[in-house]
Amino acid sequence: MSQKAAADSGSVARGPETRVTRLGPRMVPLDNLLPHPLNSNVMSPDLQAKLRAHIKWTGRYPFLVVRPPPDEPGKYQVLDGHHRVAVLRDLGHTEARCDVWQVDDREAKLLCHLEPSAGAGPAAAPGRASA
């Protein structure tokens, strides 16, 4: 089965110990979103202003990629979308569109270092270890 077909089915094997499972899209209260401690993504003030203007004008943005952390039920760690969370809060939103994935710490670390253009969750960037 191709990686895309496996991703579409909701679960992708990543080696003998790793399993990535897509739990699916859902609206998550912003208060339940936690930053992942390894996120090091930086956005210039100009780009953040453009992101804010776009979300304010269109109401559209790519889904945040999140995972349920192992030790905080009901919460979600943001793996991709930290700046969108800040902009949504600034604009007065109370919840965000999220794509929820069940991933281990290794996969979460890789997702925190995705290039912004990779998007769409763990199965979207099979060679992302070098990103």
N, C-alpha and C. Protein backbone atom coordinates (compact mmCIF):
# COMPACT_ATOMS: atom_id res chain seq x y z
N MET A 1 0.85 -1.17 0.00
CA MET A 1 0.00 0.00 0.00
C MET A 1 0.89 1.23 0.00
N SER A 2 0.56 2.22 -0.82
CA SER A 2 1.37 3.44 -0.87
C SER A 2 1.20 4.22 0.42
N GLN A 3 2.15 5.12 0.69
CA GLN A 3 2.06 5.92 1.90
C GLN A 3 0.82 6.80 1.87
N LYS A 4 0.47 7.36 0.68
CA LYS A 4 -0.73 8.19 0.58
C LYS A 4 -1.97 7.37 0.87
N ALA A 5 -2.06 6.17 0.33
CA ALA A 5 -3.22 5.32 0.59
C ALA A 5 -3.31 4.98 2.07
N ALA A 6 -2.16 4.70 2.68
CA ALA A 6 -2.16 4.40 4.11
C ALA A 6 -2.59 5.61 4.91
N ALA A 7 -2.12 6.80 4.52
CA ALA A 7 -2.50 8.02 5.23
C ALA A 7 -3.98 8.28 5.09
N ASP A 8 -4.52 8.05 3.90
CA ASP A 8 -5.95 8.26 3.70
C ASP A 8 -6.78 7.30 4.55
N SER A 9 -6.23 6.12 4.85
CA SER A 9 -6.97 5.16 5.66
C SER A 9 -6.90 5.53 7.14
N GLY A 10 -6.05 6.49 7.52
CA GLY A 10 -6.01 6.97 8.89
C GLY A 10 -4.84 6.49 9.72
N SER A 11 -4.05 5.55 9.24
CA SER A 11 -2.95 5.04 10.04
C SER A 11 -1.76 4.73 9.14
N VAL A 12 -0.58 5.10 9.61
CA VAL A 12 0.64 4.89 8.83
C VAL A 12 1.68 4.24 9.73
N ALA A 13 2.27 3.16 9.26
CA ALA A 13 3.37 2.54 10.01
C ALA A 13 4.65 3.28 9.65
N ARG A 14 5.47 3.62 10.64
CA ARG A 14 6.71 4.35 10.43
C ARG A 14 7.91 3.56 10.92
N GLY A 15 7.84 2.29 10.92
CA GLY A 15 8.93 1.49 11.43
C GLY A 15 8.39 0.54 12.48
N PRO A 16 9.24 -0.28 13.04
CA PRO A 16 8.76 -1.31 13.95
C PRO A 16 8.09 -0.77 15.22
N GLU A 17 8.53 0.36 15.75
CA GLU A 17 7.97 0.84 17.01
C GLU A 17 6.98 1.98 16.85
N THR A 18 6.91 2.59 15.68
CA THR A 18 6.16 3.82 15.51
C THR A 18 4.88 3.60 14.73
N ARG A 19 3.81 4.15 15.22
CA ARG A 19 2.54 4.12 14.52
C ARG A 19 1.96 5.52 14.57
N VAL A 20 1.52 6.01 13.42
CA VAL A 20 0.94 7.34 13.31
C VAL A 20 -0.52 7.12 12.94
N THR A 21 -1.42 7.67 13.73
CA THR A 21 -2.84 7.49 13.47
C THR A 21 -3.53 8.85 13.39
N ARG A 22 -4.24 9.06 12.30
CA ARG A 22 -5.00 10.29 12.16
C ARG A 22 -6.34 10.12 12.87
N LEU A 23 -6.58 10.96 13.87
CA LEU A 23 -7.85 10.93 14.60
C LEU A 23 -8.89 11.80 13.91
N GLY A 24 -8.42 12.72 13.07
CA GLY A 24 -9.33 13.50 12.24
C GLY A 24 -9.50 14.94 12.64
N PRO A 25 -10.24 15.67 11.80
CA PRO A 25 -10.45 17.09 12.05
C PRO A 25 -11.48 17.32 13.16
N ARG A 26 -11.28 18.40 13.90
CA ARG A 26 -12.26 18.81 14.91
C ARG A 26 -11.98 20.24 15.35
N MET A 27 -12.99 20.86 15.88
CA MET A 27 -12.83 22.19 16.47
C MET A 27 -12.35 22.00 17.91
N VAL A 28 -11.30 22.73 18.27
CA VAL A 28 -10.71 22.61 19.60
C VAL A 28 -10.69 24.00 20.24
N PRO A 29 -11.19 24.12 21.47
CA PRO A 29 -11.09 25.42 22.16
C PRO A 29 -9.62 25.85 22.27
N LEU A 30 -9.38 27.14 22.02
CA LEU A 30 -8.01 27.65 22.11
C LEU A 30 -7.41 27.43 23.49
N ASP A 31 -8.25 27.44 24.52
CA ASP A 31 -7.76 27.21 25.88
C ASP A 31 -7.23 25.79 26.08
N ASN A 32 -7.59 24.87 25.18
CA ASN A 32 -7.12 23.49 25.30
C ASN A 32 -5.88 23.21 24.45
N LEU A 33 -5.35 24.25 23.80
CA LEU A 33 -4.17 24.09 22.95
C LEU A 33 -2.91 24.50 23.72
N LEU A 34 -1.94 23.61 23.73
CA LEU A 34 -0.68 23.84 24.43
C LEU A 34 0.45 23.90 23.40
N PRO A 35 1.42 24.78 23.59
CA PRO A 35 2.57 24.78 22.68
C PRO A 35 3.41 23.53 22.92
N HIS A 36 3.96 22.98 21.87
CA HIS A 36 4.89 21.86 22.05
C HIS A 36 6.22 22.46 22.51
N PRO A 37 6.84 21.87 23.52
CA PRO A 37 8.07 22.47 24.07
C PRO A 37 9.25 22.53 23.09
N LEU A 38 9.22 21.73 22.04
CA LEU A 38 10.35 21.74 21.10
C LEU A 38 10.11 22.62 19.89
N ASN A 39 9.00 23.32 19.82
CA ASN A 39 8.75 24.16 18.67
C ASN A 39 9.73 25.32 18.66
N SER A 40 10.37 25.51 17.51
CA SER A 40 11.33 26.61 17.40
C SER A 40 11.01 27.49 16.19
N ASN A 41 9.80 27.37 15.67
CA ASN A 41 9.40 28.14 14.50
C ASN A 41 9.35 29.62 14.83
N VAL A 42 9.94 30.43 13.98
CA VAL A 42 9.95 31.88 14.16
C VAL A 42 9.34 32.51 12.93
N MET A 43 8.51 33.53 13.13
CA MET A 43 7.88 34.23 12.02
C MET A 43 8.16 35.72 12.17
N SER A 44 8.55 36.35 11.09
CA SER A 44 8.85 37.78 11.14
C SER A 44 7.57 38.55 11.43
N PRO A 45 7.71 39.74 12.01
CA PRO A 45 6.52 40.57 12.26
C PRO A 45 5.73 40.86 10.99
N ASP A 46 6.43 41.06 9.86
CA ASP A 46 5.73 41.32 8.59
C ASP A 46 4.86 40.13 8.18
N LEU A 47 5.42 38.93 8.26
CA LEU A 47 4.64 37.74 7.91
C LEU A 47 3.50 37.51 8.87
N GLN A 48 3.73 37.77 10.16
CA GLN A 48 2.66 37.60 11.13
C GLN A 48 1.53 38.59 10.86
N ALA A 49 1.87 39.81 10.46
CA ALA A 49 0.84 40.81 10.11
C ALA A 49 0.05 40.35 8.88
N LYS A 50 0.74 39.77 7.90
CA LYS A 50 0.04 39.25 6.71
C LYS A 50 -0.88 38.09 7.09
N LEU A 51 -0.40 37.20 7.95
CA LEU A 51 -1.23 36.09 8.41
C LEU A 51 -2.47 36.60 9.13
N ARG A 52 -2.28 37.58 10.01
CA ARG A 52 -3.40 38.15 10.75
C ARG A 52 -4.41 38.79 9.80
N ALA A 53 -3.93 39.56 8.83
CA ALA A 53 -4.83 40.22 7.88
C ALA A 53 -5.60 39.19 7.06
N HIS A 54 -4.91 38.13 6.64
CA HIS A 54 -5.57 37.09 5.85
C HIS A 54 -6.68 36.40 6.65
N ILE A 55 -6.37 36.00 7.88
CA ILE A 55 -7.38 35.32 8.70
C ILE A 55 -8.53 36.26 9.02
N LYS A 56 -8.21 37.51 9.31
CA LYS A 56 -9.27 38.48 9.62
C LYS A 56 -10.17 38.70 8.41
N TRP A 57 -9.58 38.82 7.24
CA TRP A 57 -10.34 39.12 6.02
C TRP A 57 -11.12 37.92 5.52
N THR A 58 -10.49 36.73 5.50
CA THR A 58 -11.14 35.56 4.90
C THR A 58 -11.73 34.60 5.91
N GLY A 59 -11.21 34.58 7.12
CA GLY A 59 -11.64 33.60 8.11
C GLY A 59 -11.06 32.21 7.84
N ARG A 60 -10.19 32.11 6.85
CA ARG A 60 -9.62 30.82 6.48
C ARG A 60 -8.16 30.71 6.89
N TYR A 61 -7.78 29.50 7.21
CA TYR A 61 -6.38 29.20 7.55
C TYR A 61 -6.23 27.68 7.49
N PRO A 62 -5.01 27.20 7.24
CA PRO A 62 -4.80 25.75 7.26
C PRO A 62 -5.08 25.19 8.65
N PHE A 63 -5.61 23.99 8.69
CA PHE A 63 -5.85 23.33 9.98
C PHE A 63 -4.55 23.29 10.78
N LEU A 64 -4.66 23.47 12.08
CA LEU A 64 -3.52 23.26 12.97
C LEU A 64 -3.28 21.76 13.05
N VAL A 65 -2.05 21.34 13.17
CA VAL A 65 -1.74 19.93 13.39
C VAL A 65 -1.44 19.78 14.87
N VAL A 66 -2.23 18.94 15.54
CA VAL A 66 -2.11 18.78 16.99
C VAL A 66 -2.10 17.30 17.35
N ARG A 67 -1.68 17.05 18.58
CA ARG A 67 -1.74 15.68 19.12
C ARG A 67 -2.19 15.76 20.57
N PRO A 68 -2.90 14.73 21.04
CA PRO A 68 -3.20 14.68 22.48
C PRO A 68 -1.90 14.36 23.23
N PRO A 69 -1.52 15.18 24.19
CA PRO A 69 -0.29 14.85 24.93
C PRO A 69 -0.55 13.66 25.84
N PRO A 70 0.48 12.88 26.11
CA PRO A 70 0.28 11.67 26.90
C PRO A 70 -0.18 11.91 28.33
N ASP A 71 0.09 13.09 28.89
CA ASP A 71 -0.17 13.30 30.32
C ASP A 71 -1.22 14.37 30.63
N GLU A 72 -1.95 14.87 29.61
CA GLU A 72 -2.94 15.92 29.88
C GLU A 72 -4.22 15.66 29.10
N PRO A 73 -5.12 14.84 29.64
CA PRO A 73 -6.37 14.53 28.94
C PRO A 73 -7.17 15.79 28.62
N GLY A 74 -7.75 15.80 27.42
CA GLY A 74 -8.57 16.93 27.01
C GLY A 74 -7.79 18.09 26.41
N LYS A 75 -6.48 18.02 26.47
CA LYS A 75 -5.62 19.06 25.91
C LYS A 75 -4.98 18.54 24.63
N TYR A 76 -4.41 19.47 23.84
CA TYR A 76 -3.75 19.13 22.60
C TYR A 76 -2.47 19.95 22.46
N GLN A 77 -1.39 19.29 22.09
CA GLN A 77 -0.14 19.99 21.80
C GLN A 77 -0.15 20.42 20.34
N VAL A 78 0.19 21.67 20.10
CA VAL A 78 0.26 22.20 18.75
C VAL A 78 1.62 21.82 18.16
N LEU A 79 1.57 21.04 17.08
CA LEU A 79 2.79 20.61 16.41
C LEU A 79 3.09 21.51 15.22
N ASP A 80 2.05 22.01 14.59
CA ASP A 80 2.21 22.93 13.45
C ASP A 80 1.05 23.92 13.52
N GLY A 81 1.38 25.21 13.67
CA GLY A 81 0.34 26.23 13.70
C GLY A 81 0.41 27.17 14.89
N HIS A 82 1.55 27.23 15.55
CA HIS A 82 1.69 28.09 16.73
C HIS A 82 1.34 29.54 16.44
N HIS A 83 1.75 30.05 15.30
CA HIS A 83 1.48 31.45 14.97
C HIS A 83 0.00 31.66 14.66
N ARG A 84 -0.63 30.68 14.05
CA ARG A 84 -2.07 30.78 13.80
C ARG A 84 -2.83 30.84 15.11
N VAL A 85 -2.40 30.08 16.11
CA VAL A 85 -3.05 30.12 17.42
C VAL A 85 -2.96 31.53 18.00
N ALA A 86 -1.78 32.13 17.94
CA ALA A 86 -1.60 33.49 18.48
C ALA A 86 -2.49 34.49 17.76
N VAL A 87 -2.56 34.39 16.43
CA VAL A 87 -3.39 35.30 15.65
C VAL A 87 -4.86 35.08 15.97
N LEU A 88 -5.29 33.83 16.04
CA LEU A 88 -6.69 33.55 16.36
C LEU A 88 -7.07 34.12 17.72
N ARG A 89 -6.20 33.97 18.70
CA ARG A 89 -6.46 34.55 20.04
C ARG A 89 -6.56 36.07 19.94
N ASP A 90 -5.62 36.67 19.22
CA ASP A 90 -5.59 38.12 19.06
C ASP A 90 -6.87 38.64 18.40
N LEU A 91 -7.43 37.85 17.49
CA LEU A 91 -8.65 38.25 16.78
C LEU A 91 -9.92 37.92 17.55
N GLY A 92 -9.79 37.31 18.72
CA GLY A 92 -10.95 37.03 19.55
C GLY A 92 -11.63 35.69 19.30
N HIS A 93 -11.00 34.83 18.52
CA HIS A 93 -11.58 33.50 18.31
C HIS A 93 -11.48 32.70 19.61
N THR A 94 -12.37 31.75 19.77
CA THR A 94 -12.35 30.91 20.97
C THR A 94 -11.98 29.47 20.66
N GLU A 95 -12.00 29.10 19.37
CA GLU A 95 -11.61 27.75 18.99
C GLU A 95 -10.95 27.76 17.63
N ALA A 96 -10.29 26.64 17.30
CA ALA A 96 -9.54 26.54 16.05
C ALA A 96 -9.84 25.21 15.36
N ARG A 97 -9.73 25.23 14.04
CA ARG A 97 -9.84 24.01 13.25
C ARG A 97 -8.53 23.25 13.38
N CYS A 98 -8.62 22.02 13.83
CA CYS A 98 -7.42 21.22 14.06
C CYS A 98 -7.53 19.87 13.38
N ASP A 99 -6.41 19.37 12.93
CA ASP A 99 -6.30 18.00 12.43
C ASP A 99 -5.53 17.25 13.52
N VAL A 100 -6.20 16.30 14.15
CA VAL A 100 -5.65 15.63 15.32
C VAL A 100 -4.97 14.32 14.89
N TRP A 101 -3.74 14.15 15.35
CA TRP A 101 -2.94 12.97 15.04
C TRP A 101 -2.45 12.35 16.34
N GLN A 102 -2.48 11.03 16.41
CA GLN A 102 -1.88 10.32 17.54
C GLN A 102 -0.46 9.95 17.10
N VAL A 103 0.53 10.63 17.65
CA VAL A 103 1.92 10.38 17.30
C VAL A 103 2.75 10.30 18.57
N ASP A 104 3.84 9.56 18.48
CA ASP A 104 4.74 9.46 19.63
C ASP A 104 5.64 10.71 19.69
N ASP A 105 6.47 10.78 20.72
CA ASP A 105 7.32 11.96 20.91
C ASP A 105 8.28 12.17 19.75
N ARG A 106 8.80 11.08 19.17
CA ARG A 106 9.73 11.20 18.03
C ARG A 106 9.04 11.87 16.85
N GLU A 107 7.87 11.39 16.49
CA GLU A 107 7.12 11.98 15.37
C GLU A 107 6.71 13.41 15.69
N ALA A 108 6.32 13.67 16.93
CA ALA A 108 5.92 15.03 17.32
C ALA A 108 7.10 15.99 17.13
N LYS A 109 8.29 15.56 17.52
CA LYS A 109 9.48 16.40 17.36
C LYS A 109 9.72 16.71 15.89
N LEU A 110 9.57 15.72 15.02
CA LEU A 110 9.75 15.94 13.59
C LEU A 110 8.71 16.91 13.05
N LEU A 111 7.48 16.76 13.49
CA LEU A 111 6.41 17.64 13.00
C LEU A 111 6.62 19.08 13.44
N CYS A 112 7.20 19.28 14.60
CA CYS A 112 7.47 20.64 15.06
C CYS A 112 8.50 21.34 14.20
N HIS A 113 9.26 20.58 13.43
CA HIS A 113 10.31 21.15 12.59
C HIS A 113 9.98 21.09 11.11
N LEU A 114 8.71 20.85 10.78
CA LEU A 114 8.29 20.87 9.38
C LEU A 114 8.41 22.28 8.83
N GLU A 115 8.70 22.37 7.56
CA GLU A 115 8.62 23.67 6.91
C GLU A 115 7.14 24.01 6.80
N PRO A 116 6.76 25.29 6.93
CA PRO A 116 5.35 25.65 6.89
C PRO A 116 4.64 25.17 5.63
N SER A 117 5.34 25.05 4.51
CA SER A 117 4.68 24.64 3.27
C SER A 117 4.40 23.15 3.23
N ALA A 118 4.97 22.37 4.15
CA ALA A 118 4.75 20.92 4.10
C ALA A 118 3.32 20.57 4.47
N GLY A 119 2.81 21.14 5.56
CA GLY A 119 1.41 21.04 5.96
C GLY A 119 0.80 19.65 5.96
N ALA A 120 -0.47 19.60 6.25
CA ALA A 120 -1.36 18.44 6.11
C ALA A 120 -1.00 17.22 6.94
N GLY A 121 -0.25 17.36 7.98
CA GLY A 121 -0.08 16.25 8.89
C GLY A 121 1.11 15.35 8.60
N PRO A 122 1.29 14.34 9.44
CA PRO A 122 2.45 13.49 9.39
C PRO A 122 2.68 12.77 8.08
N ALA A 123 1.66 12.35 7.39
CA ALA A 123 1.86 11.58 6.15
C ALA A 123 2.23 12.45 4.97
N ALA A 124 2.13 13.76 5.12
CA ALA A 124 2.34 14.67 3.98
C ALA A 124 3.80 14.84 3.62
N ALA A 125 4.69 14.57 4.55
CA ALA A 125 6.10 14.87 4.30
C ALA A 125 6.97 13.67 4.64
N PRO A 126 6.97 12.64 3.78
CA PRO A 126 7.71 11.44 4.12
C PRO A 126 9.20 11.65 4.31
N GLY A 127 9.80 12.63 3.67
CA GLY A 127 11.23 12.88 3.82
C GLY A 127 11.53 14.01 4.75
N ARG A 128 10.65 14.28 5.69
CA ARG A 128 10.77 15.49 6.50
C ARG A 128 11.86 15.43 7.54
N ALA A 129 12.49 14.31 7.77
CA ALA A 129 13.52 14.24 8.79
C ALA A 129 14.65 15.21 8.52
N SER A 130 14.84 15.58 7.25
CA SER A 130 15.89 16.54 6.94
C SER A 130 15.42 17.99 6.96
N ALA A 131 14.12 18.21 7.18
CA ALA A 131 13.56 19.56 7.17
C ALA A 131 13.88 20.31 8.43
